[in-house]
Amino acid sequence: MRGTWLGSADLADSYNDFSNAIKEGLSPEEAAKTRTFTGHMANKRGYSQFKVIELNEVEKRVVVEFRK
């Protein structure tokens, strides 16, 4: 499963939560897993591997891959 979070969209909650967690010192994978709604739901459904494929702060875009 793959998630794309955009910081400039109307629904930027996951991007903002992810970015704030990074600023607090979490790794990108840990931020995706523990601080975003998508991460919580993926983890709940058995996706235990989280990999940040793209982290573009200029374009405010994060792409995360979730695997079982």
Protein backbone atom coordinates (compact mmCIF):
# COMPACT_ATOMS: atom_id res chain seq x y z
CA MET A 1 0.00 0.00 0.00
CA ARG A 2 1.28 3.47 -0.76
CA GLY A 3 0.30 6.80 0.74
CA THR A 4 1.01 10.27 -0.61
CA TRP A 5 0.67 13.21 1.75
CA LEU A 6 0.64 16.76 0.46
CA GLY A 7 1.23 19.80 2.61
CA SER A 8 -0.41 22.24 0.26
CA ALA A 9 -3.72 20.39 -0.11
CA ASP A 10 -6.92 21.05 1.79
CA LEU A 11 -6.40 17.74 3.63
CA ALA A 12 -2.85 18.26 4.86
CA ASP A 13 -3.30 16.67 8.29
CA SER A 14 -1.08 13.63 7.71
CA TYR A 15 1.64 15.74 6.09
CA ASN A 16 1.55 18.21 8.98
CA ASP A 17 1.54 15.46 11.62
CA PHE A 18 4.46 13.76 9.86
CA SER A 19 6.45 17.01 9.57
CA ASN A 20 5.89 17.90 13.22
CA ALA A 21 7.08 14.46 14.32
CA ILE A 22 10.26 14.85 12.24
CA LYS A 23 10.90 18.22 13.91
CA GLU A 24 10.55 16.44 17.28
CA GLY A 25 13.36 14.07 16.29
CA LEU A 26 11.53 10.95 15.09
CA SER A 27 12.85 9.04 12.12
CA PRO A 28 10.74 9.38 8.96
CA GLU A 29 9.55 5.78 9.25
CA GLU A 30 8.64 6.12 12.93
CA ALA A 31 6.85 9.42 12.23
CA ALA A 32 4.82 7.80 9.45
CA LYS A 33 3.94 4.81 11.61
CA THR A 34 3.10 6.47 14.92
CA ARG A 35 2.03 10.04 14.20
CA THR A 36 -0.28 9.85 11.21
CA PHE A 37 -3.82 8.54 10.84
CA THR A 38 -2.78 6.52 7.80
CA GLY A 39 0.06 4.94 9.75
CA HIS A 40 -2.20 4.02 12.65
CA MET A 41 -4.75 2.41 10.32
CA ALA A 42 -2.08 0.55 8.31
CA ASN A 43 -0.46 -0.77 11.49
CA LYS A 44 -3.86 -1.85 12.83
CA ARG A 45 -4.45 -3.84 9.64
CA GLY A 46 -1.17 -5.71 9.82
CA TYR A 47 1.16 -3.49 7.84
CA SER A 48 4.29 -3.51 9.97
CA GLN A 49 6.92 -2.27 7.51
CA PHE A 50 6.95 1.45 6.74
CA LYS A 51 9.34 2.98 4.21
CA VAL A 52 9.48 6.62 3.18
CA ILE A 53 9.98 6.55 -0.60
CA GLU A 54 10.01 10.30 -1.13
CA LEU A 55 10.42 13.25 1.23
CA ASN A 56 10.27 16.54 -0.67
CA GLU A 57 10.11 19.50 1.68
CA VAL A 58 10.17 22.06 -1.15
CA GLU A 59 7.05 20.65 -2.82
CA LYS A 60 5.62 19.54 0.56
CA ARG A 61 5.14 15.93 -0.50
CA VAL A 62 5.77 12.66 1.30
CA VAL A 63 5.30 9.23 -0.24
CA VAL A 64 5.24 6.26 2.13
CA GLU A 65 5.07 2.56 1.34
CA PHE A 66 3.40 0.19 3.80
CA ARG A 67 4.08 -3.56 3.64
CA LYS A 68 3.00 -6.59 5.61
